[in-house]
């Protein structure tokens, strides 16, 4: 026997996961804060216009994260 396709109208909503950043409004974290090395704990002030994840720790070379 072959299974047929239903004739009803599909009405599923889906559950996509959109998003444009870590903040609900899609914006960055702002000008303040610090960049921190997750490996050795080194911290430095965040520089506006340069994401922390693009910086390397001057002590150990690991990519830094935002605090």
C-alpha atoms as a PDB file:
ATOM      1  CA  UNK A   1       0.000   0.000   0.000  1.00  0.00           C
ATOM      2  CA  UNK A   2       1.166   3.525  -0.747  1.00  0.00           C
ATOM      3  CA  UNK A   3       0.857   6.310   1.749  1.00  0.00           C
ATOM      4  CA  UNK A   4      -0.845   9.361   0.343  1.00  0.00           C
ATOM      5  CA  UNK A   5      -0.363  12.992   1.235  1.00  0.00           C
ATOM      6  CA  UNK A   6      -3.074  14.695   3.226  1.00  0.00           C
ATOM      7  CA  UNK A   7      -5.275  17.269   1.614  1.00  0.00           C
ATOM      8  CA  UNK A   8      -5.441  19.622   4.603  1.00  0.00           C
ATOM      9  CA  UNK A   9      -3.804  23.028   4.806  1.00  0.00           C
ATOM     10  CA  UNK A  10      -0.447  23.081   6.597  1.00  0.00           C
ATOM     11  CA  UNK A  11      -0.254  25.529   9.461  1.00  0.00           C
ATOM     12  CA  UNK A  12       2.950  24.781  11.372  1.00  0.00           C
ATOM     13  CA  UNK A  13       4.791  27.703  12.927  1.00  0.00           C
ATOM     14  CA  UNK A  14       8.312  26.260  13.099  1.00  0.00           C
ATOM     15  CA  UNK A  15      10.815  27.003  15.823  1.00  0.00           C
ATOM     16  CA  UNK A  16      13.650  28.871  14.159  1.00  0.00           C
ATOM     17  CA  UNK A  17      16.445  30.353  16.209  1.00  0.00           C
ATOM     18  CA  UNK A  18      17.279  33.771  14.895  1.00  0.00           C
ATOM     19  CA  UNK A  19      19.436  36.371  16.538  1.00  0.00           C
ATOM     20  CA  UNK A  20      22.034  38.972  15.676  1.00  0.00           C
ATOM     21  CA  UNK A  21      24.268  39.061  18.707  1.00  0.00           C
ATOM     22  CA  UNK A  22      24.472  38.309  22.364  1.00  0.00           C
ATOM     23  CA  UNK A  23      22.084  41.054  23.393  1.00  0.00           C
ATOM     24  CA  UNK A  24      18.315  40.806  22.797  1.00  0.00           C
ATOM     25  CA  UNK A  25      18.262  43.921  20.621  1.00  0.00           C
ATOM     26  CA  UNK A  26      21.190  42.695  18.506  1.00  0.00           C
ATOM     27  CA  UNK A  27      23.594  45.376  19.735  1.00  0.00           C
ATOM     28  CA  UNK A  28      27.043  44.919  21.212  1.00  0.00           C
ATOM     29  CA  UNK A  29      27.908  45.352  24.855  1.00  0.00           C
ATOM     30  CA  UNK A  30      28.848  49.032  24.634  1.00  0.00           C
ATOM     31  CA  UNK A  31      32.078  50.963  25.087  1.00  0.00           C
ATOM     32  CA  UNK A  32      32.895  50.026  28.694  1.00  0.00           C
ATOM     33  CA  UNK A  33      34.128  46.787  30.168  1.00  0.00           C
ATOM     34  CA  UNK A  34      37.261  44.708  29.969  1.00  0.00           C
ATOM     35  CA  UNK A  35      38.803  42.105  27.727  1.00  0.00           C
ATOM     36  CA  UNK A  36      39.845  39.008  29.670  1.00  0.00           C
ATOM     37  CA  UNK A  37      42.020  36.033  28.781  1.00  0.00           C
ATOM     38  CA  UNK A  38      40.129  32.816  29.607  1.00  0.00           C
ATOM     39  CA  UNK A  39      43.414  30.912  30.013  1.00  0.00           C
ATOM     40  CA  UNK A  40      45.617  33.054  32.270  1.00  0.00           C
ATOM     41  CA  UNK A  41      43.171  35.698  33.556  1.00  0.00           C
ATOM     42  CA  UNK A  42      44.976  38.738  32.114  1.00  0.00           C
ATOM     43  CA  UNK A  43      42.655  41.772  31.837  1.00  0.00           C
ATOM     44  CA  UNK A  44      42.804  45.023  29.907  1.00  0.00           C
ATOM     45  CA  UNK A  45      40.325  47.796  29.146  1.00  0.00           C
ATOM     46  CA  UNK A  46      38.101  47.196  26.142  1.00  0.00           C
ATOM     47  CA  UNK A  47      38.897  49.463  23.204  1.00  0.00           C
ATOM     48  CA  UNK A  48      35.888  50.802  21.319  1.00  0.00           C
ATOM     49  CA  UNK A  49      35.646  49.448  17.783  1.00  0.00           C
ATOM     50  CA  UNK A  50      37.848  46.410  18.425  1.00  0.00           C
ATOM     51  CA  UNK A  51      36.053  43.279  19.625  1.00  0.00           C
ATOM     52  CA  UNK A  52      37.818  41.403  22.419  1.00  0.00           C
ATOM     53  CA  UNK A  53      37.619  38.141  20.472  1.00  0.00           C
ATOM     54  CA  UNK A  54      39.896  39.660  17.827  1.00  0.00           C
ATOM     55  CA  UNK A  55      42.614  40.399  20.389  1.00  0.00           C
ATOM     56  CA  UNK A  56      45.274  37.974  21.558  1.00  0.00           C
ATOM     57  CA  UNK A  57      46.472  37.897  25.146  1.00  0.00           C
ATOM     58  CA  UNK A  58      49.921  39.543  25.343  1.00  0.00           C
ATOM     59  CA  UNK A  59      50.997  37.005  27.984  1.00  0.00           C
ATOM     60  CA  UNK A  60      49.945  33.655  26.526  1.00  0.00           C
ATOM     61  CA  UNK A  61      48.551  34.325  23.012  1.00  0.00           C
ATOM     62  CA  UNK A  62      45.025  33.012  23.650  1.00  0.00           C
ATOM     63  CA  UNK A  63      42.088  34.872  22.089  1.00  0.00           C
ATOM     64  CA  UNK A  64      40.461  37.124  24.665  1.00  0.00           C
ATOM     65  CA  UNK A  65      36.785  37.397  25.661  1.00  0.00           C
ATOM     66  CA  UNK A  66      34.577  40.254  26.911  1.00  0.00           C
ATOM     67  CA  UNK A  67      33.852  40.726  30.613  1.00  0.00           C
END
